[in-house]
């Protein structure tokens, strides 16, 4: 379960604050979201440097769109859209492949990060040490120069306390 005191966005404001552009959304949330994404990229670049990778990653809007698509796919998997085990779903595999094969600025996907709340430096170090090939590539690949952080809020009333957000990091 995500510790709401240390990670993830706060719950939507209710009632709306004056000036809010969306129901239940504080207009300052966008800046906070951008700062959280930037912190993930900073942590990733720090770990890359510590592992001898001197190729910095730059946040890219197109890569963020792709990461958001992947975050939506991952959240749908958790919410049972692909059945009780998305890893056994042919449709899930097809949807994953469609997203992962799309290019960003002519570059192919190098690595896909973890899923859940905003990733910290210690989480990213865990990916580098014990993660899958794609997670390790986030840290080790000198080919990757672009990064996207995708965030999807869970609006499902039955599960949003357990899975409030889905954050995915992707490199190209």
N, C-alpha and C. Protein backbone atom coordinates (compact mmCIF):
# COMPACT_ATOMS: atom_id res chain seq x y z
N UNK A 1 0.84 -1.17 0.00
CA UNK A 1 0.00 0.00 0.00
C UNK A 1 0.88 1.24 0.00
N UNK A 2 0.49 2.27 -0.71
CA UNK A 2 1.25 3.50 -0.81
C UNK A 2 1.05 4.32 0.44
N UNK A 3 2.14 4.80 1.02
CA UNK A 3 2.06 5.68 2.18
C UNK A 3 1.71 7.07 1.68
N UNK A 4 0.50 7.51 1.98
CA UNK A 4 0.02 8.77 1.45
C UNK A 4 0.76 9.96 2.03
N UNK A 5 1.50 9.77 3.11
CA UNK A 5 2.23 10.88 3.71
C UNK A 5 3.56 11.14 3.04
N UNK A 6 4.08 10.16 2.30
CA UNK A 6 5.41 10.34 1.74
C UNK A 6 5.47 10.24 0.23
N UNK A 7 4.45 9.77 -0.42
CA UNK A 7 4.54 9.64 -1.86
C UNK A 7 3.16 9.82 -2.48
N UNK A 8 3.19 10.15 -3.76
CA UNK A 8 1.95 10.30 -4.51
C UNK A 8 1.31 11.65 -4.27
N UNK A 9 0.42 12.02 -5.16
CA UNK A 9 -0.23 13.31 -5.04
C UNK A 9 -1.26 13.29 -3.92
N UNK A 10 -1.59 14.46 -3.45
CA UNK A 10 -2.61 14.55 -2.42
C UNK A 10 -3.98 14.29 -3.04
N UNK A 11 -4.93 14.02 -2.19
CA UNK A 11 -6.30 13.80 -2.67
C UNK A 11 -6.83 15.10 -3.25
N UNK A 12 -7.75 15.02 -4.22
CA UNK A 12 -8.31 16.23 -4.80
C UNK A 12 -8.99 17.07 -3.73
N UNK A 13 -8.95 18.36 -3.91
CA UNK A 13 -9.59 19.28 -2.99
C UNK A 13 -11.10 19.21 -3.14
N UNK A 14 -11.79 19.27 -2.04
CA UNK A 14 -13.25 19.31 -2.09
C UNK A 14 -13.72 20.20 -0.96
N UNK A 15 -14.44 21.22 -1.18
CA UNK A 15 -14.90 21.67 -2.49
C UNK A 15 -13.78 22.33 -3.28
N UNK A 16 -14.09 22.65 -4.54
CA UNK A 16 -13.10 23.27 -5.41
C UNK A 16 -12.59 24.57 -4.83
N UNK A 17 -11.32 24.83 -5.07
CA UNK A 17 -10.74 26.11 -4.68
C UNK A 17 -11.04 27.12 -5.79
N UNK A 18 -11.20 28.38 -5.44
CA UNK A 18 -11.43 29.38 -6.48
C UNK A 18 -10.29 29.37 -7.50
N UNK A 19 -10.64 29.47 -8.77
CA UNK A 19 -9.63 29.49 -9.82
C UNK A 19 -9.28 28.13 -10.35
N UNK A 20 -9.83 27.09 -9.77
CA UNK A 20 -9.54 25.75 -10.23
C UNK A 20 -10.13 25.54 -11.61
N UNK A 21 -9.36 24.93 -12.51
CA UNK A 21 -9.83 24.71 -13.87
C UNK A 21 -10.57 23.38 -14.02
N UNK A 22 -10.42 22.50 -13.07
CA UNK A 22 -11.10 21.20 -13.12
C UNK A 22 -11.77 20.94 -11.79
N UNK A 23 -12.86 20.23 -11.84
CA UNK A 23 -13.55 19.88 -10.61
C UNK A 23 -12.61 19.13 -9.69
N UNK A 24 -12.52 19.58 -8.45
CA UNK A 24 -11.71 18.88 -7.45
C UNK A 24 -10.23 19.05 -7.63
N UNK A 25 -9.79 19.97 -8.47
CA UNK A 25 -8.36 20.10 -8.73
C UNK A 25 -7.86 21.49 -8.35
N UNK A 26 -6.86 21.52 -7.52
CA UNK A 26 -6.23 22.77 -7.11
C UNK A 26 -5.36 23.26 -8.26
N UNK A 27 -5.44 24.54 -8.64
CA UNK A 27 -4.65 25.03 -9.78
C UNK A 27 -3.15 24.94 -9.55
N UNK A 28 -2.70 24.80 -8.31
CA UNK A 28 -1.26 24.66 -8.06
C UNK A 28 -0.77 23.23 -8.24
N UNK A 29 -1.69 22.26 -8.43
CA UNK A 29 -1.30 20.86 -8.59
C UNK A 29 -0.38 20.65 -9.78
N UNK A 30 -0.58 21.39 -10.88
CA UNK A 30 0.23 21.20 -12.08
C UNK A 30 1.71 21.45 -11.80
N UNK A 31 2.01 22.51 -11.07
CA UNK A 31 3.40 22.80 -10.74
C UNK A 31 3.96 21.69 -9.85
N UNK A 32 3.20 21.26 -8.89
CA UNK A 32 3.63 20.20 -8.01
C UNK A 32 3.89 18.92 -8.79
N UNK A 33 3.02 18.61 -9.73
CA UNK A 33 3.18 17.43 -10.57
C UNK A 33 4.48 17.52 -11.37
N UNK A 34 4.73 18.68 -11.95
CA UNK A 34 5.95 18.88 -12.74
C UNK A 34 7.19 18.72 -11.85
N UNK A 35 7.11 19.23 -10.65
CA UNK A 35 8.24 19.10 -9.72
C UNK A 35 8.48 17.64 -9.35
N UNK A 36 7.40 16.89 -9.15
CA UNK A 36 7.53 15.47 -8.80
C UNK A 36 8.16 14.70 -9.96
N UNK A 37 7.73 15.00 -11.18
CA UNK A 37 8.31 14.34 -12.35
C UNK A 37 9.79 14.68 -12.46
N UNK A 38 10.12 15.95 -12.28
CA UNK A 38 11.51 16.38 -12.37
C UNK A 38 12.36 15.69 -11.31
N UNK A 39 11.82 15.49 -10.13
CA UNK A 39 12.55 14.81 -9.06
C UNK A 39 12.86 13.36 -9.44
N UNK A 40 11.94 12.70 -10.13
CA UNK A 40 12.18 11.33 -10.59
C UNK A 40 13.33 11.33 -11.60
N UNK A 41 13.32 12.27 -12.53
CA UNK A 41 14.39 12.35 -13.53
C UNK A 41 15.73 12.67 -12.86
N UNK A 42 15.72 13.59 -11.90
CA UNK A 42 16.96 13.91 -11.16
C UNK A 42 17.50 12.68 -10.44
N UNK A 43 16.62 11.93 -9.80
CA UNK A 43 17.04 10.71 -9.09
C UNK A 43 17.61 9.70 -10.08
N UNK A 44 16.95 9.55 -11.22
CA UNK A 44 17.42 8.61 -12.24
C UNK A 44 18.79 9.03 -12.75
N UNK A 45 18.98 10.31 -13.03
CA UNK A 45 20.28 10.78 -13.50
C UNK A 45 21.36 10.61 -12.45
N UNK A 46 21.03 10.80 -11.17
CA UNK A 46 22.00 10.60 -10.09
C UNK A 46 22.46 9.15 -10.04
N UNK A 47 21.51 8.23 -10.11
CA UNK A 47 21.86 6.80 -10.07
C UNK A 47 22.66 6.43 -11.31
N UNK A 48 22.27 6.95 -12.47
CA UNK A 48 23.03 6.67 -13.70
C UNK A 48 24.49 7.10 -13.53
N UNK A 49 24.70 8.29 -12.99
CA UNK A 49 26.06 8.79 -12.77
C UNK A 49 26.82 7.88 -11.82
N UNK A 50 26.16 7.48 -10.74
CA UNK A 50 26.79 6.61 -9.74
C UNK A 50 27.19 5.26 -10.34
N UNK A 51 26.47 4.83 -11.37
CA UNK A 51 26.78 3.57 -12.05
C UNK A 51 27.74 3.78 -13.23
N UNK A 52 28.31 4.98 -13.33
CA UNK A 52 29.29 5.25 -14.38
C UNK A 52 28.71 5.67 -15.70
N UNK A 53 27.41 5.88 -15.75
CA UNK A 53 26.76 6.30 -17.00
C UNK A 53 26.74 7.82 -17.03
N UNK A 54 27.57 8.39 -17.90
CA UNK A 54 27.69 9.84 -17.97
C UNK A 54 26.74 10.47 -18.99
N UNK A 55 25.83 9.68 -19.54
CA UNK A 55 24.86 10.20 -20.51
C UNK A 55 23.62 10.66 -19.76
N UNK A 56 23.42 11.97 -19.63
CA UNK A 56 22.25 12.45 -18.89
C UNK A 56 20.95 12.27 -19.69
N UNK A 57 19.88 12.10 -18.97
CA UNK A 57 18.55 12.01 -19.58
C UNK A 57 17.88 13.37 -19.51
N UNK A 58 17.19 13.71 -20.59
CA UNK A 58 16.43 14.96 -20.65
C UNK A 58 14.96 14.62 -20.71
N UNK A 59 14.16 15.27 -19.87
CA UNK A 59 12.70 15.07 -19.91
C UNK A 59 12.19 15.52 -21.27
N UNK A 60 11.33 14.70 -21.86
CA UNK A 60 10.81 14.97 -23.19
C UNK A 60 9.29 14.83 -23.17
N UNK A 61 8.59 15.80 -23.75
CA UNK A 61 7.12 15.80 -23.73
C UNK A 61 6.55 14.57 -24.44
N UNK A 62 7.11 14.19 -25.59
CA UNK A 62 6.62 13.01 -26.31
C UNK A 62 6.84 11.74 -25.49
N UNK A 63 7.99 11.65 -24.85
CA UNK A 63 8.28 10.49 -24.01
C UNK A 63 7.32 10.45 -22.82
N UNK A 64 6.95 11.62 -22.30
CA UNK A 64 5.97 11.66 -21.20
C UNK A 64 4.60 11.16 -21.65
N UNK A 65 4.22 11.49 -22.87
CA UNK A 65 2.94 10.99 -23.41
C UNK A 65 2.97 9.47 -23.50
N UNK A 66 4.09 8.92 -23.96
CA UNK A 66 4.21 7.46 -24.07
C UNK A 66 4.18 6.83 -22.68
N UNK A 67 4.87 7.45 -21.73
CA UNK A 67 4.89 6.92 -20.36
C UNK A 67 3.50 6.99 -19.73
N UNK A 68 2.75 8.02 -20.07
CA UNK A 68 1.38 8.12 -19.55
C UNK A 68 0.49 7.02 -20.14
N UNK A 69 0.69 6.72 -21.43
CA UNK A 69 -0.05 5.61 -22.04
C UNK A 69 0.27 4.30 -21.33
N UNK A 70 1.56 4.10 -21.02
CA UNK A 70 1.97 2.88 -20.33
C UNK A 70 1.41 2.85 -18.91
N UNK A 71 1.38 4.01 -18.25
CA UNK A 71 0.82 4.09 -16.90
C UNK A 71 -0.66 3.72 -16.92
N UNK A 72 -1.38 4.18 -17.92
CA UNK A 72 -2.80 3.85 -18.06
C UNK A 72 -2.96 2.34 -18.27
N UNK A 73 -2.12 1.77 -19.10
CA UNK A 73 -2.16 0.32 -19.34
C UNK A 73 -1.90 -0.44 -18.04
N UNK A 74 -0.89 -0.01 -17.28
CA UNK A 74 -0.56 -0.68 -16.03
C UNK A 74 -1.69 -0.56 -15.01
N UNK A 75 -2.28 0.62 -14.92
CA UNK A 75 -3.39 0.81 -13.99
C UNK A 75 -4.58 -0.05 -14.40
N UNK A 76 -4.88 -0.08 -15.70
CA UNK A 76 -5.97 -0.94 -16.18
C UNK A 76 -5.70 -2.40 -15.82
N UNK A 77 -4.43 -2.81 -15.90
CA UNK A 77 -4.07 -4.17 -15.52
C UNK A 77 -4.36 -4.43 -14.05
N UNK A 78 -4.00 -3.48 -13.19
CA UNK A 78 -4.27 -3.63 -11.76
C UNK A 78 -5.77 -3.64 -11.45
N UNK A 79 -6.52 -2.89 -12.23
CA UNK A 79 -7.95 -2.76 -11.98
C UNK A 79 -8.78 -3.90 -12.60
N UNK A 80 -8.11 -4.86 -13.24
CA UNK A 80 -8.80 -6.02 -13.76
C UNK A 80 -9.37 -5.88 -15.16
N UNK A 81 -9.02 -4.81 -15.86
CA UNK A 81 -9.52 -4.63 -17.23
C UNK A 81 -9.08 -5.78 -18.13
N UNK A 82 -7.91 -6.36 -17.84
CA UNK A 82 -7.38 -7.46 -18.64
C UNK A 82 -7.56 -8.81 -17.95
N UNK A 83 -8.48 -8.88 -17.02
CA UNK A 83 -8.71 -10.12 -16.28
C UNK A 83 -7.94 -10.13 -14.98
N UNK A 84 -7.98 -11.26 -14.31
CA UNK A 84 -7.34 -11.36 -13.00
C UNK A 84 -5.81 -11.39 -13.08
N UNK A 85 -5.25 -11.76 -14.22
CA UNK A 85 -3.80 -11.79 -14.40
C UNK A 85 -3.46 -11.20 -15.76
N UNK A 86 -3.15 -9.91 -15.82
CA UNK A 86 -2.88 -9.29 -17.11
C UNK A 86 -1.71 -9.92 -17.86
N UNK A 87 -0.79 -10.53 -17.13
CA UNK A 87 0.37 -11.14 -17.78
C UNK A 87 -0.03 -12.34 -18.63
N UNK A 88 -1.23 -12.87 -18.42
CA UNK A 88 -1.72 -13.99 -19.22
C UNK A 88 -2.70 -13.54 -20.30
N UNK A 89 -2.91 -12.23 -20.40
CA UNK A 89 -3.87 -11.69 -21.35
C UNK A 89 -3.21 -11.38 -22.69
N UNK A 90 -3.75 -11.96 -23.76
CA UNK A 90 -3.24 -11.66 -25.09
C UNK A 90 -3.45 -10.20 -25.45
N UNK A 91 -4.59 -9.64 -25.04
CA UNK A 91 -4.87 -8.23 -25.35
C UNK A 91 -3.90 -7.31 -24.63
N UNK A 92 -3.59 -7.63 -23.38
CA UNK A 92 -2.62 -6.84 -22.62
C UNK A 92 -1.27 -6.86 -23.34
N UNK A 93 -0.84 -8.04 -23.77
CA UNK A 93 0.44 -8.17 -24.47
C UNK A 93 0.43 -7.35 -25.76
N UNK A 94 -0.67 -7.39 -26.48
CA UNK A 94 -0.79 -6.61 -27.73
C UNK A 94 -0.72 -5.12 -27.42
N UNK A 95 -1.45 -4.69 -26.42
CA UNK A 95 -1.46 -3.27 -26.06
C UNK A 95 -0.09 -2.81 -25.59
N UNK A 96 0.60 -3.65 -24.80
CA UNK A 96 1.96 -3.35 -24.35
C UNK A 96 2.88 -3.17 -25.56
N UNK A 97 2.80 -4.10 -26.51
CA UNK A 97 3.67 -4.05 -27.68
C UNK A 97 3.42 -2.82 -28.54
N UNK A 98 2.16 -2.43 -28.68
CA UNK A 98 1.85 -1.23 -29.47
C UNK A 98 2.53 -0.02 -28.85
N UNK A 99 2.39 0.14 -27.55
CA UNK A 99 2.99 1.30 -26.88
C UNK A 99 4.52 1.22 -26.93
N UNK A 100 5.07 0.07 -26.61
CA UNK A 100 6.52 -0.04 -26.49
C UNK A 100 7.25 0.04 -27.83
N UNK A 101 6.54 -0.17 -28.93
CA UNK A 101 7.19 -0.10 -30.25
C UNK A 101 7.09 1.28 -30.90
N UNK A 102 6.30 2.19 -30.30
CA UNK A 102 6.20 3.53 -30.86
C UNK A 102 7.51 4.28 -30.61
N UNK A 103 7.94 5.03 -31.60
CA UNK A 103 9.18 5.79 -31.49
C UNK A 103 8.92 7.17 -30.90
N UNK A 104 9.93 7.70 -30.25
CA UNK A 104 9.91 9.08 -29.76
C UNK A 104 11.10 9.79 -30.40
N UNK A 105 10.79 10.76 -31.23
CA UNK A 105 11.83 11.50 -31.97
C UNK A 105 12.75 10.52 -32.71
N UNK A 106 12.17 9.48 -33.27
CA UNK A 106 12.91 8.50 -34.05
C UNK A 106 13.68 7.49 -33.21
N UNK A 107 13.57 7.57 -31.89
CA UNK A 107 14.30 6.65 -31.02
C UNK A 107 13.37 5.58 -30.49
N UNK A 108 13.91 4.37 -30.35
CA UNK A 108 13.12 3.26 -29.81
C UNK A 108 13.20 3.22 -28.29
N UNK A 109 12.26 2.53 -27.70
CA UNK A 109 12.22 2.34 -26.25
C UNK A 109 13.47 1.62 -25.78
N UNK A 110 14.07 2.13 -24.73
CA UNK A 110 15.25 1.49 -24.14
C UNK A 110 14.88 0.81 -22.83
N UNK A 111 14.20 1.53 -21.95
CA UNK A 111 13.88 0.96 -20.65
C UNK A 111 12.55 1.44 -20.11
N UNK A 112 11.86 0.57 -19.39
CA UNK A 112 10.59 0.89 -18.74
C UNK A 112 10.78 0.70 -17.24
N UNK A 113 10.45 1.72 -16.48
CA UNK A 113 10.65 1.68 -15.03
C UNK A 113 9.53 1.02 -14.28
N UNK A 114 9.62 1.14 -13.00
CA UNK A 114 8.66 0.54 -12.10
C UNK A 114 7.32 1.24 -12.13
N UNK A 115 6.38 0.64 -11.48
CA UNK A 115 5.01 1.13 -11.48
C UNK A 115 4.60 1.39 -10.05
N UNK A 116 3.79 2.38 -9.85
CA UNK A 116 3.30 2.69 -8.51
C UNK A 116 3.39 4.17 -8.26
N UNK A 117 4.00 4.56 -7.15
CA UNK A 117 4.12 5.96 -6.77
C UNK A 117 5.37 6.57 -7.40
N UNK A 118 5.62 7.84 -7.09
CA UNK A 118 6.80 8.52 -7.63
C UNK A 118 8.05 7.82 -7.12
N UNK A 119 8.94 7.50 -8.03
CA UNK A 119 10.10 6.68 -7.72
C UNK A 119 11.23 7.52 -7.14
N UNK A 120 11.79 7.02 -6.06
CA UNK A 120 12.88 7.70 -5.37
C UNK A 120 14.22 7.12 -5.83
N UNK A 121 15.28 7.77 -5.40
CA UNK A 121 16.62 7.30 -5.74
C UNK A 121 16.84 5.87 -5.24
N UNK A 122 16.37 5.55 -4.04
CA UNK A 122 16.58 4.19 -3.51
C UNK A 122 15.81 3.15 -4.33
N UNK A 123 14.62 3.50 -4.80
CA UNK A 123 13.86 2.58 -5.65
C UNK A 123 14.60 2.35 -6.97
N UNK A 124 15.12 3.42 -7.54
CA UNK A 124 15.84 3.32 -8.82
C UNK A 124 17.12 2.51 -8.64
N UNK A 125 17.78 2.67 -7.50
CA UNK A 125 18.96 1.84 -7.23
C UNK A 125 18.59 0.36 -7.18
N UNK A 126 17.41 0.07 -6.64
CA UNK A 126 16.92 -1.30 -6.63
C UNK A 126 16.70 -1.84 -8.03
N UNK A 127 16.19 -0.99 -8.92
CA UNK A 127 16.01 -1.41 -10.32
C UNK A 127 17.36 -1.77 -10.92
N UNK A 128 18.37 -0.93 -10.67
CA UNK A 128 19.69 -1.15 -11.24
C UNK A 128 20.30 -2.45 -10.73
N UNK A 129 20.03 -2.76 -9.48
CA UNK A 129 20.62 -3.95 -8.86
C UNK A 129 19.83 -5.22 -9.15
N UNK A 130 18.51 -5.15 -8.99
CA UNK A 130 17.69 -6.37 -9.04
C UNK A 130 16.59 -6.37 -10.08
N UNK A 131 16.51 -5.33 -10.88
CA UNK A 131 15.39 -5.19 -11.80
C UNK A 131 15.50 -6.05 -13.05
N UNK A 132 14.43 -5.99 -13.82
CA UNK A 132 14.39 -6.68 -15.11
C UNK A 132 15.38 -6.01 -16.06
N UNK A 133 15.56 -6.60 -17.22
CA UNK A 133 16.46 -6.04 -18.23
C UNK A 133 16.05 -4.62 -18.59
N UNK A 134 14.74 -4.38 -18.75
CA UNK A 134 14.28 -3.04 -19.11
C UNK A 134 14.49 -2.04 -17.98
N UNK A 135 14.29 -2.46 -16.74
CA UNK A 135 14.53 -1.55 -15.62
C UNK A 135 16.02 -1.22 -15.50
N UNK A 136 16.87 -2.22 -15.67
CA UNK A 136 18.31 -1.98 -15.60
C UNK A 136 18.76 -1.05 -16.71
N UNK A 137 18.12 -1.15 -17.87
CA UNK A 137 18.49 -0.31 -19.00
C UNK A 137 18.24 1.17 -18.73
N UNK A 138 17.27 1.48 -17.86
CA UNK A 138 17.04 2.87 -17.49
C UNK A 138 18.31 3.49 -16.93
N UNK A 139 19.06 2.70 -16.19
CA UNK A 139 20.26 3.17 -15.51
C UNK A 139 21.51 2.98 -16.36
N UNK A 140 21.62 1.84 -17.02
CA UNK A 140 22.88 1.48 -17.66
C UNK A 140 23.01 1.90 -19.12
N UNK A 141 21.93 2.10 -19.84
CA UNK A 141 22.01 2.36 -21.27
C UNK A 141 22.54 3.76 -21.57
N UNK A 142 23.65 3.81 -22.28
CA UNK A 142 24.16 5.11 -22.74
C UNK A 142 23.44 5.53 -24.02
N UNK A 143 22.70 4.62 -24.62
CA UNK A 143 21.91 4.91 -25.82
C UNK A 143 20.74 5.82 -25.48
N UNK A 144 20.19 5.68 -24.29
CA UNK A 144 19.04 6.48 -23.88
C UNK A 144 19.47 7.91 -23.56
N UNK A 145 18.74 8.87 -24.13
CA UNK A 145 19.01 10.29 -23.86
C UNK A 145 17.73 11.03 -23.48
N UNK A 146 16.57 10.44 -23.77
CA UNK A 146 15.29 11.07 -23.47
C UNK A 146 14.56 10.25 -22.41
N UNK A 147 13.81 10.93 -21.56
CA UNK A 147 13.04 10.24 -20.53
C UNK A 147 11.65 10.86 -20.46
N UNK A 148 10.69 10.00 -20.18
CA UNK A 148 9.33 10.45 -19.94
C UNK A 148 8.82 9.87 -18.64
N UNK A 149 8.07 10.68 -17.91
CA UNK A 149 7.43 10.22 -16.67
C UNK A 149 5.94 10.39 -16.89
N UNK A 150 5.20 9.30 -16.85
CA UNK A 150 3.76 9.34 -17.06
C UNK A 150 3.02 9.08 -15.76
N UNK A 151 2.00 9.87 -15.51
CA UNK A 151 1.23 9.77 -14.27
C UNK A 151 -0.25 9.65 -14.61
N UNK A 152 -0.91 8.67 -14.01
CA UNK A 152 -2.35 8.50 -14.17
C UNK A 152 -2.96 8.38 -12.79
N UNK A 153 -3.99 9.18 -12.53
CA UNK A 153 -4.71 9.12 -11.26
C UNK A 153 -5.75 8.01 -11.33
N UNK A 154 -5.88 7.24 -10.29
CA UNK A 154 -6.91 6.21 -10.22
C UNK A 154 -8.20 6.86 -9.71
N UNK A 155 -9.23 6.83 -10.53
CA UNK A 155 -10.51 7.43 -10.14
C UNK A 155 -11.54 6.38 -9.74
N UNK A 156 -11.15 5.10 -9.75
CA UNK A 156 -12.05 4.03 -9.37
C UNK A 156 -12.29 4.07 -7.86
N UNK A 157 -13.52 4.32 -7.46
CA UNK A 157 -13.82 4.51 -6.03
C UNK A 157 -13.50 3.28 -5.19
N UNK A 158 -13.53 2.09 -5.76
CA UNK A 158 -13.28 0.87 -5.01
C UNK A 158 -11.79 0.61 -4.75
N UNK A 159 -10.92 1.15 -5.60
CA UNK A 159 -9.50 0.81 -5.49
C UNK A 159 -8.56 2.00 -5.31
N UNK A 160 -9.08 3.24 -5.40
CA UNK A 160 -8.16 4.38 -5.39
C UNK A 160 -7.41 4.56 -4.08
N UNK A 161 -7.93 4.03 -2.98
CA UNK A 161 -7.16 4.10 -1.74
C UNK A 161 -5.97 3.15 -1.77
N UNK A 162 -6.13 2.01 -2.41
CA UNK A 162 -5.05 1.03 -2.51
C UNK A 162 -4.03 1.42 -3.59
N UNK A 163 -4.54 1.89 -4.74
CA UNK A 163 -3.69 2.31 -5.86
C UNK A 163 -4.07 3.74 -6.25
N UNK A 164 -3.61 4.75 -5.52
CA UNK A 164 -4.06 6.12 -5.83
C UNK A 164 -3.53 6.65 -7.16
N UNK A 165 -2.31 6.27 -7.51
CA UNK A 165 -1.72 6.74 -8.76
C UNK A 165 -0.89 5.63 -9.39
N UNK A 166 -0.59 5.83 -10.67
CA UNK A 166 0.31 4.95 -11.37
C UNK A 166 1.33 5.85 -12.05
N UNK A 167 2.61 5.61 -11.79
CA UNK A 167 3.68 6.39 -12.39
C UNK A 167 4.61 5.43 -13.14
N UNK A 168 4.89 5.75 -14.39
CA UNK A 168 5.76 4.93 -15.21
C UNK A 168 6.88 5.82 -15.79
N UNK A 169 8.09 5.31 -15.78
CA UNK A 169 9.24 6.01 -16.35
C UNK A 169 9.70 5.22 -17.57
N UNK A 170 9.90 5.94 -18.69
CA UNK A 170 10.35 5.27 -19.92
C UNK A 170 11.51 6.08 -20.51
N UNK A 171 12.51 5.39 -21.05
CA UNK A 171 13.64 6.07 -21.69
C UNK A 171 13.73 5.70 -23.16
N UNK A 172 14.23 6.65 -23.92
CA UNK A 172 14.41 6.50 -25.37
C UNK A 172 15.78 7.00 -25.77
